[in-house]
Amino acid sequence: MNLFGHSQTGKSDRKKEYPFLRVSDMKPMSFLKAVTTKEASSRQMDFLTIMDDFPKHWIKKTDIFKLGALLKSKEKCKCVVNPLSSYLPVNDSADLGGYAIMLLTAYKENKQISFLWLCPTANEKKANQLLTWLTTQR
């Protein structure tokens, strides 16, 4: 391996090059599975460190109805922190609905997601607006 993390064959050794999870290696539903906690954590620091490399067209039309079903979920999730962030969301949590709103909004507005840290929470008004929009996407 050379200085830039590539072998002699030119293929990148991503695990050695990037020790953190990468969004670009996931699909939207596997990202949501990664941030979902199975039980309320009593730990003060419960977050996921992940590179914020969301590809521009990462969310596909086939994902939007699955995301729509989660828009109002208040299931507690881990916050997400970019390894470059100097802030750690201690004693904070996110909601599954908040992540679904964030992802669906990015799809709707054709925007790329970027962050230093995220702790999105469910929002009834935004969820209802997105559900109304989803009815036009069938």
N, C-alpha and C. Protein backbone atom coordinates (compact mmCIF):
# COMPACT_ATOMS: atom_id res chain seq x y z
N MET A 1 0.85 -1.17 0.00
CA MET A 1 0.00 0.00 0.00
C MET A 1 0.89 1.24 0.00
N ASN A 2 0.51 2.23 -0.78
CA ASN A 2 1.29 3.45 -0.82
C ASN A 2 0.69 4.51 0.11
N LEU A 3 1.24 5.67 0.07
CA LEU A 3 0.84 6.78 0.94
C LEU A 3 -0.63 7.15 0.81
N PHE A 4 -1.24 6.93 -0.33
CA PHE A 4 -2.61 7.38 -0.57
C PHE A 4 -3.64 6.28 -0.33
N GLY A 5 -3.27 5.16 0.27
CA GLY A 5 -4.22 4.12 0.60
C GLY A 5 -4.59 3.23 -0.55
N HIS A 6 -3.80 3.18 -1.59
CA HIS A 6 -4.08 2.33 -2.74
C HIS A 6 -3.01 1.24 -2.84
N SER A 7 -3.45 0.06 -3.23
CA SER A 7 -2.52 -1.04 -3.41
C SER A 7 -1.81 -0.89 -4.75
N GLN A 8 -0.92 -1.78 -5.03
CA GLN A 8 -0.19 -1.76 -6.30
C GLN A 8 -1.14 -1.88 -7.49
N THR A 9 -2.31 -2.51 -7.27
CA THR A 9 -3.26 -2.69 -8.36
C THR A 9 -4.11 -1.45 -8.58
N GLY A 10 -3.97 -0.45 -7.72
CA GLY A 10 -4.72 0.79 -7.87
C GLY A 10 -6.06 0.76 -7.14
N LYS A 11 -6.41 -0.36 -6.52
CA LYS A 11 -7.68 -0.44 -5.79
C LYS A 11 -7.50 0.13 -4.39
N SER A 12 -8.48 0.86 -3.96
CA SER A 12 -8.43 1.49 -2.64
C SER A 12 -8.70 0.47 -1.54
N ASP A 13 -7.98 0.58 -0.47
CA ASP A 13 -8.23 -0.24 0.71
C ASP A 13 -9.05 0.62 1.66
N ARG A 14 -10.38 0.68 1.43
CA ARG A 14 -11.26 1.61 2.14
C ARG A 14 -11.29 1.40 3.64
N LYS A 15 -11.18 0.16 4.12
CA LYS A 15 -11.25 -0.08 5.55
C LYS A 15 -10.05 0.54 6.26
N LYS A 16 -8.88 0.50 5.63
CA LYS A 16 -7.70 1.10 6.24
C LYS A 16 -7.70 2.61 6.02
N GLU A 17 -8.21 3.03 4.87
CA GLU A 17 -8.21 4.45 4.52
C GLU A 17 -9.24 5.23 5.36
N TYR A 18 -10.41 4.63 5.60
CA TYR A 18 -11.49 5.28 6.33
C TYR A 18 -11.97 4.36 7.44
N PRO A 19 -11.55 4.58 8.68
CA PRO A 19 -11.97 3.69 9.76
C PRO A 19 -13.42 3.91 10.21
N PHE A 20 -14.10 4.92 9.69
CA PHE A 20 -15.47 5.23 10.08
C PHE A 20 -16.46 4.69 9.05
N LEU A 21 -17.70 4.51 9.49
CA LEU A 21 -18.76 4.15 8.56
C LEU A 21 -18.89 5.24 7.51
N ARG A 22 -19.27 4.84 6.32
CA ARG A 22 -19.47 5.80 5.23
C ARG A 22 -20.88 5.63 4.70
N VAL A 23 -21.60 6.73 4.57
CA VAL A 23 -22.95 6.69 4.04
C VAL A 23 -22.95 6.15 2.63
N SER A 24 -21.94 6.46 1.86
CA SER A 24 -21.89 6.02 0.46
C SER A 24 -21.81 4.50 0.34
N ASP A 25 -21.49 3.81 1.43
CA ASP A 25 -21.45 2.35 1.43
C ASP A 25 -22.78 1.75 1.87
N MET A 26 -23.78 2.59 2.13
CA MET A 26 -25.08 2.14 2.62
C MET A 26 -26.19 2.56 1.67
N LYS A 27 -27.37 2.05 1.95
CA LYS A 27 -28.59 2.51 1.30
C LYS A 27 -29.39 3.24 2.37
N PRO A 28 -30.39 4.04 2.00
CA PRO A 28 -31.13 4.81 3.01
C PRO A 28 -31.68 3.97 4.17
N MET A 29 -32.24 2.81 3.89
CA MET A 29 -32.82 2.01 4.96
C MET A 29 -31.74 1.39 5.86
N SER A 30 -30.58 1.05 5.31
CA SER A 30 -29.51 0.52 6.16
C SER A 30 -28.89 1.64 7.00
N PHE A 31 -28.88 2.88 6.48
CA PHE A 31 -28.45 4.02 7.28
C PHE A 31 -29.39 4.18 8.48
N LEU A 32 -30.70 4.11 8.24
CA LEU A 32 -31.66 4.25 9.34
C LEU A 32 -31.52 3.12 10.35
N LYS A 33 -31.22 1.94 9.88
CA LYS A 33 -31.01 0.81 10.79
C LYS A 33 -29.77 1.06 11.66
N ALA A 34 -28.75 1.66 11.09
CA ALA A 34 -27.51 1.93 11.82
C ALA A 34 -27.72 2.96 12.94
N VAL A 35 -28.61 3.92 12.72
CA VAL A 35 -28.82 4.96 13.75
C VAL A 35 -29.89 4.59 14.76
N THR A 36 -30.69 3.59 14.45
CA THR A 36 -31.76 3.20 15.35
C THR A 36 -31.20 2.44 16.54
N THR A 37 -31.59 2.86 17.72
CA THR A 37 -31.20 2.15 18.93
C THR A 37 -32.33 1.20 19.28
N LYS A 38 -31.99 0.03 19.75
CA LYS A 38 -33.00 -0.97 20.08
C LYS A 38 -33.66 -0.70 21.43
N GLU A 39 -33.00 0.04 22.26
CA GLU A 39 -33.55 0.37 23.58
C GLU A 39 -33.04 1.75 23.98
N ALA A 40 -33.77 2.37 24.87
CA ALA A 40 -33.33 3.68 25.35
C ALA A 40 -32.02 3.50 26.08
N SER A 41 -31.04 4.25 25.69
CA SER A 41 -29.72 4.12 26.28
C SER A 41 -29.60 5.01 27.51
N SER A 42 -28.97 4.48 28.53
CA SER A 42 -28.73 5.28 29.72
C SER A 42 -27.36 5.94 29.65
N ARG A 43 -26.61 5.63 28.58
CA ARG A 43 -25.30 6.24 28.43
C ARG A 43 -25.46 7.70 28.06
N GLN A 44 -24.55 8.53 28.53
CA GLN A 44 -24.63 9.95 28.22
C GLN A 44 -24.18 10.25 26.80
N MET A 45 -23.27 9.46 26.28
CA MET A 45 -22.77 9.71 24.93
C MET A 45 -23.14 8.51 24.06
N ASP A 46 -24.20 8.67 23.29
CA ASP A 46 -24.66 7.59 22.43
C ASP A 46 -24.88 8.17 21.03
N PHE A 47 -23.83 8.16 20.24
CA PHE A 47 -23.91 8.71 18.89
C PHE A 47 -23.12 7.81 17.95
N LEU A 48 -23.34 8.02 16.67
CA LEU A 48 -22.68 7.24 15.63
C LEU A 48 -21.75 8.18 14.86
N THR A 49 -20.49 7.81 14.74
CA THR A 49 -19.55 8.60 13.97
C THR A 49 -19.54 8.06 12.55
N ILE A 50 -19.79 8.95 11.61
CA ILE A 50 -19.93 8.52 10.21
C ILE A 50 -19.49 9.64 9.28
N MET A 51 -18.87 9.28 8.19
CA MET A 51 -18.48 10.27 7.18
C MET A 51 -19.74 10.77 6.48
N ASP A 52 -19.84 12.03 6.22
CA ASP A 52 -21.04 12.63 5.61
C ASP A 52 -20.95 12.68 4.09
N ASP A 53 -20.65 11.55 3.51
CA ASP A 53 -20.47 11.50 2.07
C ASP A 53 -21.73 11.00 1.36
N PHE A 54 -22.87 11.64 1.64
CA PHE A 54 -24.12 11.28 0.99
C PHE A 54 -24.01 11.60 -0.50
N PRO A 55 -24.10 10.60 -1.36
CA PRO A 55 -24.09 10.90 -2.80
C PRO A 55 -25.33 11.73 -3.17
N LYS A 56 -25.23 12.56 -4.17
CA LYS A 56 -26.32 13.47 -4.53
C LYS A 56 -27.64 12.75 -4.81
N HIS A 57 -27.62 11.68 -5.55
CA HIS A 57 -28.86 10.96 -5.88
C HIS A 57 -28.93 9.62 -5.14
N TRP A 58 -28.51 9.64 -3.88
CA TRP A 58 -28.45 8.45 -3.04
C TRP A 58 -29.85 7.90 -2.75
N ILE A 59 -30.80 8.78 -2.52
CA ILE A 59 -32.17 8.36 -2.24
C ILE A 59 -32.90 8.19 -3.57
N LYS A 60 -33.44 7.03 -3.78
CA LYS A 60 -34.13 6.70 -5.03
C LYS A 60 -35.64 6.80 -4.83
N LYS A 61 -36.36 6.90 -5.93
CA LYS A 61 -37.81 6.96 -5.86
C LYS A 61 -38.37 5.72 -5.16
N THR A 62 -37.72 4.60 -5.30
CA THR A 62 -38.18 3.37 -4.64
C THR A 62 -38.04 3.45 -3.11
N ASP A 63 -37.24 4.39 -2.60
CA ASP A 63 -37.06 4.56 -1.15
C ASP A 63 -38.10 5.49 -0.53
N ILE A 64 -38.69 6.37 -1.32
CA ILE A 64 -39.46 7.46 -0.71
C ILE A 64 -40.72 6.99 0.03
N PHE A 65 -41.34 5.92 -0.41
CA PHE A 65 -42.55 5.46 0.28
C PHE A 65 -42.21 4.74 1.58
N LYS A 66 -41.06 4.08 1.61
CA LYS A 66 -40.58 3.48 2.86
C LYS A 66 -40.27 4.58 3.87
N LEU A 67 -39.64 5.64 3.40
CA LEU A 67 -39.35 6.79 4.27
C LEU A 67 -40.63 7.45 4.74
N GLY A 68 -41.62 7.55 3.84
CA GLY A 68 -42.90 8.16 4.19
C GLY A 68 -43.59 7.44 5.33
N ALA A 69 -43.43 6.13 5.41
CA ALA A 69 -44.05 5.36 6.48
C ALA A 69 -43.40 5.63 7.84
N LEU A 70 -42.23 6.24 7.84
CA LEU A 70 -41.50 6.51 9.08
C LEU A 70 -41.55 7.97 9.53
N LEU A 71 -42.19 8.83 8.75
CA LEU A 71 -42.13 10.27 9.00
C LEU A 71 -42.59 10.71 10.40
N LYS A 72 -43.53 10.01 10.98
CA LYS A 72 -44.05 10.42 12.29
C LYS A 72 -43.51 9.58 13.44
N SER A 73 -42.53 8.73 13.15
CA SER A 73 -41.98 7.86 14.18
C SER A 73 -41.20 8.66 15.21
N LYS A 74 -41.48 8.38 16.46
CA LYS A 74 -40.75 9.02 17.56
C LYS A 74 -39.75 8.05 18.19
N GLU A 75 -39.48 6.95 17.47
CA GLU A 75 -38.51 5.98 17.97
C GLU A 75 -37.16 6.66 18.12
N LYS A 76 -36.57 6.53 19.30
CA LYS A 76 -35.30 7.19 19.59
C LYS A 76 -34.16 6.57 18.79
N CYS A 77 -33.29 7.44 18.31
CA CYS A 77 -32.13 7.04 17.51
C CYS A 77 -30.89 7.74 18.02
N LYS A 78 -29.77 7.25 17.56
CA LYS A 78 -28.50 7.91 17.87
C LYS A 78 -28.36 9.16 17.02
N CYS A 79 -27.68 10.14 17.56
CA CYS A 79 -27.28 11.28 16.75
C CYS A 79 -26.11 10.81 15.87
N VAL A 80 -25.83 11.57 14.83
CA VAL A 80 -24.75 11.24 13.91
C VAL A 80 -23.74 12.38 13.96
N VAL A 81 -22.47 12.00 14.05
CA VAL A 81 -21.39 12.98 14.14
C VAL A 81 -20.36 12.70 13.05
N ASN A 82 -19.99 13.74 12.32
CA ASN A 82 -18.91 13.66 11.36
C ASN A 82 -17.60 13.61 12.15
N PRO A 83 -16.64 12.78 11.78
CA PRO A 83 -15.38 12.73 12.51
C PRO A 83 -14.65 14.07 12.58
N LEU A 84 -14.99 15.00 11.69
CA LEU A 84 -14.34 16.32 11.70
C LEU A 84 -15.00 17.30 12.66
N SER A 85 -16.12 16.92 13.24
CA SER A 85 -16.85 17.82 14.13
C SER A 85 -16.14 17.97 15.47
N SER A 86 -16.15 19.17 15.99
CA SER A 86 -15.60 19.39 17.33
C SER A 86 -16.70 19.32 18.38
N TYR A 87 -17.95 19.15 17.94
CA TYR A 87 -19.09 19.07 18.86
C TYR A 87 -19.54 17.61 19.00
N LEU A 88 -19.81 17.20 20.23
CA LEU A 88 -20.38 15.89 20.48
C LEU A 88 -21.74 16.07 21.15
N PRO A 89 -22.78 15.50 20.58
CA PRO A 89 -24.13 15.68 21.13
C PRO A 89 -24.36 14.83 22.39
N VAL A 90 -23.83 15.30 23.49
CA VAL A 90 -23.97 14.61 24.77
C VAL A 90 -25.38 14.84 25.31
N ASN A 91 -25.98 13.79 25.83
CA ASN A 91 -27.34 13.86 26.39
C ASN A 91 -28.37 14.32 25.37
N ASP A 92 -28.19 13.97 24.13
CA ASP A 92 -29.13 14.35 23.08
C ASP A 92 -29.51 13.09 22.32
N SER A 93 -30.63 13.13 21.65
CA SER A 93 -31.02 12.00 20.83
C SER A 93 -31.82 12.50 19.64
N ALA A 94 -31.97 11.63 18.68
CA ALA A 94 -32.72 11.94 17.48
C ALA A 94 -33.93 11.01 17.43
N ASP A 95 -34.83 11.28 16.50
CA ASP A 95 -35.98 10.42 16.27
C ASP A 95 -35.88 9.83 14.86
N LEU A 96 -36.40 8.64 14.71
CA LEU A 96 -36.44 8.01 13.39
C LEU A 96 -37.21 8.88 12.41
N GLY A 97 -38.30 9.49 12.87
CA GLY A 97 -39.08 10.40 12.02
C GLY A 97 -38.27 11.60 11.58
N GLY A 98 -37.41 12.10 12.45
CA GLY A 98 -36.55 13.23 12.09
C GLY A 98 -35.60 12.88 10.96
N TYR A 99 -35.01 11.69 11.02
CA TYR A 99 -34.14 11.25 9.93
C TYR A 99 -34.94 11.04 8.65
N ALA A 100 -36.13 10.45 8.76
CA ALA A 100 -36.96 10.24 7.56
C ALA A 100 -37.33 11.58 6.93
N ILE A 101 -37.66 12.57 7.75
CA ILE A 101 -37.98 13.92 7.24
C ILE A 101 -36.77 14.51 6.52
N MET A 102 -35.60 14.38 7.14
CA MET A 102 -34.38 14.93 6.55
C MET A 102 -34.09 14.27 5.19
N LEU A 103 -34.17 12.96 5.13
CA LEU A 103 -33.87 12.25 3.88
C LEU A 103 -34.90 12.53 2.80
N LEU A 104 -36.17 12.52 3.17
CA LEU A 104 -37.22 12.76 2.17
C LEU A 104 -37.19 14.21 1.67
N THR A 105 -36.89 15.14 2.55
CA THR A 105 -36.77 16.55 2.14
C THR A 105 -35.61 16.71 1.16
N ALA A 106 -34.49 16.04 1.43
CA ALA A 106 -33.34 16.11 0.52
C ALA A 106 -33.72 15.56 -0.85
N TYR A 107 -34.48 14.47 -0.88
CA TYR A 107 -34.93 13.91 -2.16
C TYR A 107 -35.85 14.89 -2.87
N LYS A 108 -36.83 15.39 -2.15
CA LYS A 108 -37.83 16.29 -2.74
C LYS A 108 -37.19 17.55 -3.31
N GLU A 109 -36.23 18.11 -2.59
CA GLU A 109 -35.59 19.36 -3.00
C GLU A 109 -34.33 19.13 -3.84
N ASN A 110 -34.03 17.85 -4.12
CA ASN A 110 -32.86 17.49 -4.91
C ASN A 110 -31.58 18.13 -4.35
N LYS A 111 -31.41 17.98 -3.03
CA LYS A 111 -30.24 18.55 -2.36
C LYS A 111 -29.38 17.44 -1.76
N GLN A 112 -28.11 17.70 -1.73
CA GLN A 112 -27.17 16.77 -1.13
C GLN A 112 -27.11 17.05 0.37
N ILE A 113 -27.05 16.00 1.16
CA ILE A 113 -27.00 16.14 2.62
C ILE A 113 -25.54 16.27 3.04
N SER A 114 -25.28 17.21 3.92
CA SER A 114 -23.95 17.40 4.48
C SER A 114 -24.13 17.87 5.92
N PHE A 115 -23.24 17.45 6.80
CA PHE A 115 -23.40 17.81 8.21
C PHE A 115 -22.08 17.69 8.96
N LEU A 116 -22.03 18.34 10.10
CA LEU A 116 -20.99 18.08 11.08
C LEU A 116 -21.57 17.21 12.20
N TRP A 117 -22.82 17.46 12.53
CA TRP A 117 -23.54 16.59 13.46
C TRP A 117 -25.04 16.72 13.21
N LEU A 118 -25.77 15.67 13.50
CA LEU A 118 -27.22 15.65 13.29
C LEU A 118 -27.91 15.01 14.47
N CYS A 119 -28.98 15.62 14.93
CA CYS A 119 -29.88 15.04 15.92
C CYS A 119 -31.31 15.44 15.53
N PRO A 120 -31.79 15.02 14.35
CA PRO A 120 -33.11 15.45 13.89
C PRO A 120 -34.24 14.80 14.69
N THR A 121 -35.28 15.55 14.91
CA THR A 121 -36.44 15.03 15.64
C THR A 121 -37.68 15.12 14.76
N ALA A 122 -38.65 14.28 15.07
CA ALA A 122 -39.90 14.25 14.32
C ALA A 122 -40.60 15.59 14.46
N ASN A 123 -41.28 16.01 13.39
CA ASN A 123 -41.99 17.27 13.37
C ASN A 123 -43.31 17.02 12.63
N GLU A 124 -44.41 17.11 13.36
CA GLU A 124 -45.73 16.79 12.82
C GLU A 124 -46.07 17.60 11.57
N LYS A 125 -45.80 18.90 11.60
CA LYS A 125 -46.14 19.77 10.47
C LYS A 125 -45.35 19.38 9.22
N LYS A 126 -44.03 19.20 9.36
CA LYS A 126 -43.20 18.81 8.22
C LYS A 126 -43.59 17.42 7.71
N ALA A 127 -43.89 16.51 8.65
CA ALA A 127 -44.29 15.16 8.26
C ALA A 127 -45.58 15.20 7.43
N ASN A 128 -46.54 16.00 7.86
CA ASN A 128 -47.81 16.10 7.13
C ASN A 128 -47.60 16.72 5.74
N GLN A 129 -46.74 17.72 5.65
CA GLN A 129 -46.44 18.33 4.35
C GLN A 129 -45.81 17.31 3.40
N LEU A 130 -44.89 16.51 3.92
CA LEU A 130 -44.24 15.50 3.09
C LEU A 130 -45.21 14.38 2.71
N LEU A 131 -46.09 14.02 3.62
CA LEU A 131 -47.09 12.99 3.30
C LEU A 131 -48.02 13.47 2.20
N THR A 132 -48.40 14.74 2.24
CA THR A 132 -49.23 15.31 1.18
C THR A 132 -48.47 15.28 -0.15
N TRP A 133 -47.21 15.68 -0.13
CA TRP A 133 -46.38 15.66 -1.33
C TRP A 133 -46.24 14.23 -1.88
N LEU A 134 -46.09 13.25 -0.98
CA LEU A 134 -45.93 11.86 -1.40
C LEU A 134 -47.13 11.36 -2.21
N THR A 135 -48.33 11.86 -1.92
CA THR A 135 -49.52 11.42 -2.66
C THR A 135 -49.44 11.82 -4.14
N THR A 136 -48.61 12.79 -4.45
CA THR A 136 -48.46 13.23 -5.85
C THR A 136 -47.36 12.43 -6.57
N GLN A 137 -46.69 11.54 -5.86
CA GLN A 137 -45.53 10.84 -6.44
C GLN A 137 -45.83 9.43 -6.92
N ARG A 138 -47.04 9.01 -6.83
CA ARG A 138 -47.38 7.62 -7.23
C ARG A 138 -47.39 7.45 -8.70
